[in-house]
Amino acid sequence: MKEKEFDKKSFFWEADVETYNELQKLIKFVSFVSNLKECSEEDKRKASKIIDVIKYFNHAELISHFDIWFFIKDNSISRDSNKNPDIYLRNWVISLDCGSLEISAGSFDFHRNYSPVDEHFYYSSCINFAKDWEGINDNKRVRISVDINEFVNDALNYKSYLTNTLKDIEVDIDVWG
C-alpha cells in the first residue's frame, strides 16, 4: 500500500499580504549573516534556501524548516567560572519549526540564569503557520509587536555589543524538511 504524501498546502496557513510584506524584511538579516566571514560556504548555501522560503511565505506548499543563529559569545565563561561578566551572550535568531516562526534577539547574563539584560534591545515575535492553529491564552496567529526592521537593524549594528571579552562570533544555519 502506497504511503500518502504529506500535503503542506493543507497543513500550513498562507501568510496574508501584510504579514508577508513584513516577513520579507528578514531577507536583509539572512543576507547580512550569510556574508559574515564566520559563515561557511555550506552555511551560505543554506542561507540562500532560507531566503527562498521567506520569499514564498505566501505559498504554503513551499514552506520548509530552518534555523539561523547569529551569536556574540564570551567563550572564556563556563558554568564553573568565577568571572562575573556583564553579558555572556548576545544573539539574533530566526527559527521556523513545526509551523511556528520565531524571531528573537537579546543579551543574556550568565550569572542571572541567562536572564535578558534589561538595558539592551530585546526582540520577540512569533507567527504560527499551522492551518488549524487556534489562539491559546489569547495569543494571535501573528504576533509582531515591533517592526522587524528594528530586529534587522540591531543585528547589523552588532559591533556596538562587542567588548574585550564578548567578542567571539558564531553563525549556525540549518535547513531541513
N, C-alpha and C. Protein backbone atom coordinates (compact mmCIF):
# COMPACT_ATOMS: atom_id res chain seq x y z
N MET A 1 0.84 -1.17 0.00
CA MET A 1 0.00 0.00 0.00
C MET A 1 0.89 1.25 0.00
N LYS A 2 0.59 2.17 -0.88
CA LYS A 2 1.39 3.39 -1.03
C LYS A 2 1.08 4.36 0.11
N GLU A 3 2.17 4.90 0.72
CA GLU A 3 2.01 5.85 1.80
C GLU A 3 1.56 7.20 1.23
N LYS A 4 0.60 7.82 1.90
CA LYS A 4 0.08 9.10 1.45
C LYS A 4 1.15 10.18 1.64
N GLU A 5 1.35 10.99 0.61
CA GLU A 5 2.33 12.08 0.66
C GLU A 5 1.80 13.23 1.51
N PHE A 6 2.70 13.82 2.30
CA PHE A 6 2.35 14.94 3.16
C PHE A 6 1.98 16.15 2.31
N ASP A 7 0.83 16.73 2.55
CA ASP A 7 0.35 17.88 1.79
C ASP A 7 0.55 19.16 2.60
N LYS A 8 1.64 19.87 2.29
CA LYS A 8 1.95 21.10 3.03
C LYS A 8 0.85 22.14 2.87
N LYS A 9 0.23 22.18 1.70
CA LYS A 9 -0.80 23.20 1.45
C LYS A 9 -1.98 23.03 2.41
N SER A 10 -2.31 21.80 2.75
CA SER A 10 -3.42 21.60 3.67
C SER A 10 -3.00 21.76 5.13
N PHE A 11 -1.68 21.75 5.39
CA PHE A 11 -1.18 21.86 6.74
C PHE A 11 -0.84 23.30 7.13
N PHE A 12 -0.26 24.08 6.20
CA PHE A 12 0.22 25.42 6.51
C PHE A 12 -0.73 26.52 6.07
N TRP A 13 -0.83 27.54 6.90
CA TRP A 13 -1.55 28.77 6.60
C TRP A 13 -0.69 29.59 5.64
N GLU A 14 -1.32 30.20 4.67
CA GLU A 14 -0.59 31.08 3.75
C GLU A 14 -0.68 32.50 4.28
N ALA A 15 0.48 33.13 4.43
CA ALA A 15 0.55 34.48 5.01
C ALA A 15 -0.28 35.48 4.21
N ASP A 16 -1.01 36.33 4.95
CA ASP A 16 -1.75 37.41 4.30
C ASP A 16 -0.74 38.44 3.79
N VAL A 17 -1.19 39.38 2.97
CA VAL A 17 -0.32 40.34 2.32
C VAL A 17 0.49 41.16 3.33
N GLU A 18 -0.16 41.65 4.37
CA GLU A 18 0.54 42.48 5.36
C GLU A 18 1.64 41.69 6.08
N THR A 19 1.31 40.47 6.51
CA THR A 19 2.31 39.63 7.19
C THR A 19 3.42 39.25 6.23
N TYR A 20 3.04 38.87 5.02
CA TYR A 20 4.04 38.51 4.01
C TYR A 20 5.04 39.65 3.78
N ASN A 21 4.52 40.86 3.61
CA ASN A 21 5.40 42.02 3.38
C ASN A 21 6.32 42.29 4.56
N GLU A 22 5.80 42.13 5.78
CA GLU A 22 6.62 42.33 6.97
C GLU A 22 7.74 41.28 7.03
N LEU A 23 7.41 40.04 6.71
CA LEU A 23 8.40 38.96 6.79
C LEU A 23 9.50 39.09 5.72
N GLN A 24 9.20 39.78 4.64
CA GLN A 24 10.22 39.96 3.60
C GLN A 24 11.43 40.74 4.13
N LYS A 25 11.23 41.51 5.19
CA LYS A 25 12.33 42.27 5.79
C LYS A 25 13.41 41.36 6.37
N LEU A 26 13.06 40.09 6.63
CA LEU A 26 14.02 39.14 7.19
C LEU A 26 15.10 38.77 6.17
N ILE A 27 14.83 38.96 4.90
CA ILE A 27 15.82 38.63 3.86
C ILE A 27 17.10 39.43 4.08
N LYS A 28 16.97 40.68 4.48
CA LYS A 28 18.15 41.52 4.73
C LYS A 28 19.01 40.93 5.85
N PHE A 29 18.36 40.42 6.90
CA PHE A 29 19.09 39.79 8.01
C PHE A 29 19.82 38.54 7.54
N VAL A 30 19.12 37.67 6.83
CA VAL A 30 19.74 36.42 6.36
C VAL A 30 20.90 36.71 5.43
N SER A 31 20.73 37.67 4.53
CA SER A 31 21.82 38.06 3.62
C SER A 31 23.02 38.60 4.39
N PHE A 32 22.75 39.45 5.38
CA PHE A 32 23.82 40.01 6.20
C PHE A 32 24.61 38.91 6.90
N VAL A 33 23.91 38.01 7.59
CA VAL A 33 24.58 36.94 8.33
C VAL A 33 25.37 36.05 7.38
N SER A 34 24.80 35.74 6.23
CA SER A 34 25.49 34.84 5.30
C SER A 34 26.74 35.47 4.69
N ASN A 35 26.87 36.77 4.79
CA ASN A 35 28.06 37.45 4.27
C ASN A 35 29.13 37.71 5.33
N LEU A 36 28.88 37.32 6.56
CA LEU A 36 29.89 37.45 7.61
C LEU A 36 31.03 36.47 7.33
N LYS A 37 32.25 36.83 7.68
CA LYS A 37 33.40 35.95 7.43
C LYS A 37 33.29 34.64 8.22
N GLU A 38 32.52 34.64 9.31
CA GLU A 38 32.33 33.44 10.13
C GLU A 38 31.38 32.43 9.48
N CYS A 39 30.77 32.79 8.39
CA CYS A 39 29.80 31.93 7.71
C CYS A 39 30.51 31.05 6.69
N SER A 40 30.32 29.75 6.80
CA SER A 40 30.95 28.80 5.88
C SER A 40 30.23 28.80 4.52
N GLU A 41 30.86 28.20 3.55
CA GLU A 41 30.23 28.07 2.22
C GLU A 41 28.94 27.26 2.31
N GLU A 42 28.95 26.22 3.13
CA GLU A 42 27.74 25.42 3.32
C GLU A 42 26.63 26.26 3.95
N ASP A 43 26.99 27.09 4.94
CA ASP A 43 26.00 27.98 5.56
C ASP A 43 25.45 28.97 4.54
N LYS A 44 26.30 29.46 3.64
CA LYS A 44 25.84 30.39 2.61
C LYS A 44 24.81 29.73 1.69
N ARG A 45 25.04 28.46 1.36
CA ARG A 45 24.06 27.73 0.53
C ARG A 45 22.74 27.56 1.29
N LYS A 46 22.84 27.23 2.56
CA LYS A 46 21.63 27.08 3.37
C LYS A 46 20.89 28.42 3.50
N ALA A 47 21.64 29.50 3.67
CA ALA A 47 21.04 30.83 3.76
C ALA A 47 20.26 31.16 2.49
N SER A 48 20.80 30.78 1.36
CA SER A 48 20.12 31.01 0.08
C SER A 48 18.77 30.28 0.06
N LYS A 49 18.74 29.07 0.60
CA LYS A 49 17.48 28.31 0.68
C LYS A 49 16.50 29.00 1.63
N ILE A 50 17.01 29.55 2.74
CA ILE A 50 16.14 30.25 3.69
C ILE A 50 15.54 31.48 3.04
N ILE A 51 16.34 32.20 2.27
CA ILE A 51 15.81 33.37 1.55
C ILE A 51 14.69 32.95 0.62
N ASP A 52 14.85 31.82 -0.07
CA ASP A 52 13.78 31.32 -0.94
C ASP A 52 12.51 31.01 -0.15
N VAL A 53 12.66 30.40 1.03
CA VAL A 53 11.49 30.10 1.86
C VAL A 53 10.79 31.40 2.25
N ILE A 54 11.56 32.41 2.67
CA ILE A 54 10.99 33.69 3.08
C ILE A 54 10.27 34.35 1.89
N LYS A 55 10.87 34.29 0.72
CA LYS A 55 10.25 34.89 -0.47
C LYS A 55 8.91 34.27 -0.79
N TYR A 56 8.71 33.00 -0.39
CA TYR A 56 7.49 32.28 -0.75
C TYR A 56 6.64 31.91 0.46
N PHE A 57 6.69 32.74 1.52
CA PHE A 57 5.84 32.50 2.69
C PHE A 57 4.36 32.57 2.33
N ASN A 58 4.03 33.15 1.20
CA ASN A 58 2.63 33.21 0.78
C ASN A 58 2.23 32.00 -0.06
N HIS A 59 3.11 31.00 -0.12
CA HIS A 59 2.81 29.73 -0.81
C HIS A 59 3.11 28.60 0.14
N ALA A 60 2.11 28.16 0.87
CA ALA A 60 2.29 27.19 1.94
C ALA A 60 3.02 25.93 1.50
N GLU A 61 2.81 25.50 0.27
CA GLU A 61 3.43 24.24 -0.16
C GLU A 61 4.95 24.33 -0.25
N LEU A 62 5.50 25.52 -0.20
CA LEU A 62 6.95 25.70 -0.29
C LEU A 62 7.61 25.95 1.06
N ILE A 63 6.82 25.99 2.13
CA ILE A 63 7.38 26.24 3.46
C ILE A 63 8.23 25.05 3.90
N SER A 64 9.37 25.36 4.45
CA SER A 64 10.30 24.35 4.96
C SER A 64 10.62 24.68 6.41
N HIS A 65 11.57 23.99 6.99
CA HIS A 65 12.02 24.25 8.35
C HIS A 65 13.44 24.79 8.30
N PHE A 66 13.73 25.77 9.17
CA PHE A 66 15.08 26.30 9.20
C PHE A 66 15.39 26.99 10.51
N ASP A 67 16.68 27.18 10.74
CA ASP A 67 17.20 27.96 11.87
C ASP A 67 18.34 28.80 11.35
N ILE A 68 18.42 30.03 11.81
CA ILE A 68 19.60 30.85 11.58
C ILE A 68 19.91 31.55 12.90
N TRP A 69 21.09 31.25 13.42
CA TRP A 69 21.54 31.78 14.70
C TRP A 69 22.79 32.61 14.47
N PHE A 70 22.77 33.82 14.98
CA PHE A 70 23.93 34.71 14.92
C PHE A 70 24.23 35.09 16.37
N PHE A 71 25.40 34.67 16.86
CA PHE A 71 25.79 34.85 18.26
C PHE A 71 27.02 35.72 18.40
N ILE A 72 27.07 36.46 19.49
CA ILE A 72 28.33 37.00 20.01
C ILE A 72 28.43 36.39 21.40
N LYS A 73 29.56 35.70 21.66
CA LYS A 73 29.72 34.99 22.92
C LYS A 73 31.03 35.37 23.60
N ASP A 74 31.05 35.13 24.88
CA ASP A 74 32.28 35.21 25.65
C ASP A 74 32.68 33.77 25.94
N ASN A 75 33.54 33.21 25.10
CA ASN A 75 33.91 31.80 25.24
C ASN A 75 34.79 31.52 26.45
N SER A 76 35.24 32.55 27.14
CA SER A 76 36.06 32.31 28.34
C SER A 76 35.20 31.99 29.55
N ILE A 77 33.89 32.14 29.44
CA ILE A 77 32.98 31.89 30.55
C ILE A 77 32.45 30.47 30.47
N SER A 78 32.43 29.81 31.60
CA SER A 78 31.80 28.49 31.68
C SER A 78 30.98 28.44 32.96
N ARG A 79 30.21 27.41 33.13
CA ARG A 79 29.37 27.29 34.32
C ARG A 79 30.20 27.33 35.61
N ASP A 80 31.43 26.86 35.56
CA ASP A 80 32.28 26.81 36.75
C ASP A 80 33.15 28.04 36.90
N SER A 81 32.94 29.02 36.05
CA SER A 81 33.79 30.20 36.06
C SER A 81 33.53 31.08 37.28
N ASN A 82 34.59 31.68 37.79
CA ASN A 82 34.46 32.64 38.88
C ASN A 82 34.33 34.06 38.35
N LYS A 83 34.41 34.20 37.06
CA LYS A 83 34.28 35.53 36.48
C LYS A 83 32.86 36.05 36.67
N ASN A 84 32.71 37.33 36.68
CA ASN A 84 31.40 37.94 36.83
C ASN A 84 31.14 38.84 35.62
N PRO A 85 30.83 38.23 34.48
CA PRO A 85 30.66 39.04 33.27
C PRO A 85 29.36 39.84 33.31
N ASP A 86 29.41 40.97 32.63
CA ASP A 86 28.17 41.72 32.47
C ASP A 86 27.24 40.96 31.53
N ILE A 87 27.80 40.53 30.43
CA ILE A 87 26.99 39.83 29.42
C ILE A 87 27.78 38.64 28.92
N TYR A 88 27.14 37.49 28.86
CA TYR A 88 27.75 36.27 28.39
C TYR A 88 27.43 36.02 26.91
N LEU A 89 26.25 36.41 26.49
CA LEU A 89 25.78 36.04 25.16
C LEU A 89 24.86 37.12 24.60
N ARG A 90 25.03 37.40 23.32
CA ARG A 90 24.11 38.26 22.56
C ARG A 90 23.72 37.45 21.34
N ASN A 91 22.44 37.32 21.05
CA ASN A 91 22.06 36.54 19.87
C ASN A 91 20.89 37.14 19.11
N TRP A 92 20.83 36.76 17.85
CA TRP A 92 19.72 37.08 16.96
C TRP A 92 19.35 35.76 16.31
N VAL A 93 18.07 35.41 16.35
CA VAL A 93 17.64 34.09 15.90
C VAL A 93 16.36 34.19 15.08
N ILE A 94 16.33 33.42 14.00
CA ILE A 94 15.08 33.18 13.26
C ILE A 94 14.95 31.67 13.17
N SER A 95 13.82 31.14 13.58
CA SER A 95 13.62 29.70 13.58
C SER A 95 12.21 29.38 13.11
N LEU A 96 12.13 28.51 12.12
CA LEU A 96 10.83 28.02 11.64
C LEU A 96 10.80 26.52 11.85
N ASP A 97 9.96 26.08 12.77
CA ASP A 97 9.87 24.66 13.08
C ASP A 97 8.42 24.33 13.43
N CYS A 98 7.93 23.25 12.91
CA CYS A 98 6.56 22.79 13.20
C CYS A 98 5.53 23.89 12.96
N GLY A 99 5.76 24.69 11.94
CA GLY A 99 4.79 25.72 11.57
C GLY A 99 4.86 26.99 12.39
N SER A 100 5.83 27.11 13.28
CA SER A 100 5.95 28.29 14.11
C SER A 100 7.25 29.02 13.77
N LEU A 101 7.12 30.28 13.36
CA LEU A 101 8.27 31.11 13.05
C LEU A 101 8.53 32.00 14.26
N GLU A 102 9.73 31.88 14.82
CA GLU A 102 10.11 32.69 15.96
C GLU A 102 11.29 33.58 15.58
N ILE A 103 11.19 34.84 15.97
CA ILE A 103 12.22 35.84 15.70
C ILE A 103 12.59 36.44 17.05
N SER A 104 13.86 36.37 17.41
CA SER A 104 14.24 36.89 18.72
C SER A 104 15.65 37.47 18.71
N ALA A 105 15.87 38.38 19.63
CA ALA A 105 17.20 38.96 19.84
C ALA A 105 17.29 39.35 21.30
N GLY A 106 18.47 39.15 21.87
CA GLY A 106 18.64 39.55 23.26
C GLY A 106 20.06 39.37 23.74
N SER A 107 20.38 40.04 24.83
CA SER A 107 21.64 39.87 25.53
C SER A 107 21.31 39.14 26.83
N PHE A 108 22.19 38.21 27.21
CA PHE A 108 21.90 37.39 28.38
C PHE A 108 23.07 37.38 29.35
N ASP A 109 22.73 37.43 30.62
CA ASP A 109 23.70 37.46 31.70
C ASP A 109 23.87 36.04 32.24
N PHE A 110 25.09 35.56 32.25
CA PHE A 110 25.40 34.20 32.66
C PHE A 110 25.02 33.94 34.12
N HIS A 111 25.31 34.87 35.00
CA HIS A 111 25.11 34.65 36.43
C HIS A 111 23.68 34.92 36.90
N ARG A 112 22.82 35.34 36.00
CA ARG A 112 21.40 35.51 36.35
C ARG A 112 20.57 34.49 35.60
N ASN A 113 21.12 33.27 35.49
CA ASN A 113 20.43 32.18 34.79
C ASN A 113 20.02 32.57 33.38
N TYR A 114 20.92 33.23 32.70
CA TYR A 114 20.70 33.63 31.31
C TYR A 114 19.51 34.55 31.15
N SER A 115 19.24 35.37 32.14
CA SER A 115 18.14 36.32 32.05
C SER A 115 18.49 37.43 31.06
N PRO A 116 17.51 37.95 30.33
CA PRO A 116 17.79 39.06 29.41
C PRO A 116 18.32 40.27 30.16
N VAL A 117 19.21 41.00 29.54
CA VAL A 117 19.78 42.21 30.11
C VAL A 117 18.85 43.36 29.75
N ASP A 118 18.30 44.00 30.76
CA ASP A 118 17.23 44.98 30.58
C ASP A 118 17.61 46.17 29.72
N GLU A 119 18.83 46.66 29.83
CA GLU A 119 19.17 47.89 29.13
C GLU A 119 19.50 47.69 27.65
N HIS A 120 19.51 46.46 27.19
CA HIS A 120 19.79 46.19 25.78
C HIS A 120 18.50 45.92 25.01
N PHE A 121 18.58 46.11 23.73
CA PHE A 121 17.46 45.83 22.84
C PHE A 121 17.06 44.37 22.97
N TYR A 122 15.79 44.13 23.16
CA TYR A 122 15.26 42.76 23.24
C TYR A 122 14.12 42.68 22.23
N TYR A 123 14.05 41.58 21.50
CA TYR A 123 13.03 41.44 20.46
C TYR A 123 12.44 40.04 20.52
N SER A 124 11.14 39.93 20.37
CA SER A 124 10.50 38.62 20.32
C SER A 124 9.21 38.73 19.52
N SER A 125 9.13 37.97 18.44
CA SER A 125 7.92 37.90 17.62
C SER A 125 7.68 36.45 17.23
N CYS A 126 6.44 36.14 16.93
CA CYS A 126 6.09 34.77 16.56
C CYS A 126 4.94 34.79 15.57
N ILE A 127 5.04 33.94 14.56
CA ILE A 127 3.97 33.76 13.58
C ILE A 127 3.70 32.27 13.51
N ASN A 128 2.46 31.87 13.65
CA ASN A 128 2.13 30.47 13.59
C ASN A 128 1.50 30.15 12.24
N PHE A 129 2.15 29.27 11.48
CA PHE A 129 1.70 28.91 10.15
C PHE A 129 0.83 27.66 10.12
N ALA A 130 0.60 27.03 11.25
CA ALA A 130 -0.25 25.85 11.26
C ALA A 130 -1.67 26.26 10.85
N LYS A 131 -2.20 25.60 9.84
CA LYS A 131 -3.51 25.99 9.31
C LYS A 131 -4.62 25.86 10.36
N ASP A 132 -4.54 24.83 11.19
CA ASP A 132 -5.60 24.60 12.17
C ASP A 132 -5.28 25.23 13.53
N TRP A 133 -4.38 26.19 13.54
CA TRP A 133 -3.97 26.84 14.78
C TRP A 133 -5.11 27.61 15.40
N GLU A 134 -5.24 27.46 16.70
CA GLU A 134 -6.22 28.23 17.45
C GLU A 134 -5.47 28.95 18.55
N GLY A 135 -5.73 30.22 18.73
CA GLY A 135 -5.04 31.00 19.75
C GLY A 135 -5.22 30.42 21.13
N ILE A 136 -4.12 30.27 21.84
CA ILE A 136 -4.15 29.80 23.22
C ILE A 136 -3.83 31.00 24.10
N ASN A 137 -4.61 31.19 25.15
CA ASN A 137 -4.41 32.33 26.05
C ASN A 137 -4.42 33.65 25.29
N ASP A 138 -5.32 33.78 24.34
CA ASP A 138 -5.48 35.00 23.55
C ASP A 138 -4.27 35.32 22.68
N ASN A 139 -3.38 34.35 22.43
CA ASN A 139 -2.27 34.58 21.51
C ASN A 139 -2.82 34.71 20.11
N LYS A 140 -2.26 35.60 19.37
CA LYS A 140 -2.66 35.81 17.98
C LYS A 140 -1.80 34.95 17.07
N ARG A 141 -2.31 34.65 15.91
CA ARG A 141 -1.54 33.91 14.92
C ARG A 141 -0.27 34.68 14.56
N VAL A 142 -0.41 35.99 14.39
CA VAL A 142 0.71 36.84 14.04
C VAL A 142 0.95 37.79 15.21
N ARG A 143 2.09 37.62 15.86
CA ARG A 143 2.45 38.48 16.97
C ARG A 143 3.78 39.17 16.65
N ILE A 144 3.66 40.30 15.97
CA ILE A 144 4.81 41.13 15.65
C ILE A 144 4.53 42.48 16.29
N SER A 145 5.06 42.67 17.49
CA SER A 145 4.75 43.89 18.22
C SER A 145 5.65 45.05 17.83
N VAL A 146 6.84 44.75 17.32
CA VAL A 146 7.79 45.78 16.90
C VAL A 146 8.21 45.45 15.47
N ASP A 147 8.30 46.47 14.64
CA ASP A 147 8.68 46.30 13.24
C ASP A 147 9.93 45.42 13.13
N ILE A 148 9.92 44.48 12.22
CA ILE A 148 11.05 43.58 12.01
C ILE A 148 12.31 44.35 11.63
N ASN A 149 12.17 45.51 11.02
CA ASN A 149 13.36 46.31 10.71
C ASN A 149 14.19 46.62 11.95
N GLU A 150 13.54 46.75 13.10
CA GLU A 150 14.29 47.03 14.33
C GLU A 150 15.17 45.83 14.70
N PHE A 151 14.66 44.63 14.54
CA PHE A 151 15.44 43.41 14.76
C PHE A 151 16.63 43.39 13.79
N VAL A 152 16.35 43.62 12.51
CA VAL A 152 17.39 43.58 11.48
C VAL A 152 18.45 44.65 11.75
N ASN A 153 18.02 45.87 12.02
CA ASN A 153 18.98 46.96 12.26
C ASN A 153 19.84 46.71 13.49
N ASP A 154 19.27 46.10 14.52
CA ASP A 154 20.05 45.78 15.70
C ASP A 154 21.14 44.76 15.35
N ALA A 155 20.81 43.76 14.56
CA ALA A 155 21.81 42.77 14.14
C ALA A 155 22.90 43.42 13.30
N LEU A 156 22.52 44.29 12.40
CA LEU A 156 23.51 44.97 11.56
C LEU A 156 24.43 45.85 12.40
N ASN A 157 23.96 46.26 13.56
CA ASN A 157 24.74 47.09 14.47
C ASN A 157 25.42 46.25 15.56
N TYR A 158 25.68 44.96 15.28
CA TYR A 158 26.21 44.04 16.27
C TYR A 158 27.52 44.50 16.89
N LYS A 159 28.31 45.26 16.17
CA LYS A 159 29.62 45.69 16.70
C LYS A 159 29.47 46.56 17.95
N SER A 160 28.32 47.19 18.11
CA SER A 160 28.10 48.02 19.30
C SER A 160 28.03 47.17 20.57
N TYR A 161 27.83 45.87 20.44
CA TYR A 161 27.77 44.97 21.59
C TYR A 161 29.12 44.34 21.92
N LEU A 162 30.09 44.47 21.04
CA LEU A 162 31.39 43.85 21.27
C LEU A 162 32.12 44.52 22.43
N THR A 163 32.77 43.70 23.24
CA THR A 163 33.60 44.18 24.34
C THR A 163 34.91 43.40 24.30
N ASN A 164 35.78 43.63 25.27
CA ASN A 164 37.05 42.90 25.32
C ASN A 164 36.82 41.40 25.45
N THR A 165 35.76 41.00 26.14
CA THR A 165 35.50 39.57 26.32
C THR A 165 34.33 39.05 25.49
N LEU A 166 33.35 39.88 25.26
CA LEU A 166 32.20 39.47 24.44
C LEU A 166 32.55 39.78 22.99
N LYS A 167 33.24 38.85 22.34
CA LYS A 167 33.80 39.14 21.02
C LYS A 167 33.83 37.95 20.07
N ASP A 168 33.46 36.77 20.55
CA ASP A 168 33.52 35.57 19.72
C ASP A 168 32.23 35.43 18.93
N ILE A 169 32.33 35.49 17.61
CA ILE A 169 31.16 35.48 16.74
C ILE A 169 30.97 34.07 16.17
N GLU A 170 29.73 33.60 16.23
CA GLU A 170 29.38 32.29 15.68
C GLU A 170 28.12 32.43 14.83
N VAL A 171 28.08 31.62 13.80
CA VAL A 171 26.90 31.56 12.92
C VAL A 171 26.53 30.08 12.80
N ASP A 172 25.25 29.79 12.94
CA ASP A 172 24.77 28.42 12.76
C ASP A 172 23.50 28.49 11.90
N ILE A 173 23.56 27.86 10.76
CA ILE A 173 22.42 27.88 9.82
C ILE A 173 22.06 26.44 9.47
N ASP A 174 20.78 26.13 9.54
CA ASP A 174 20.34 24.78 9.21
C ASP A 174 19.01 24.84 8.48
N VAL A 175 18.82 23.93 7.55
CA VAL A 175 17.58 23.82 6.78
C VAL A 175 17.24 22.33 6.68
N TRP A 176 15.96 22.01 6.88
CA TRP A 176 15.52 20.64 6.72
C TRP A 176 14.05 20.62 6.34
N GLY A 177 13.60 19.50 5.87
CA GLY A 177 12.18 19.33 5.52
C GLY A 177 11.78 19.80 4.22
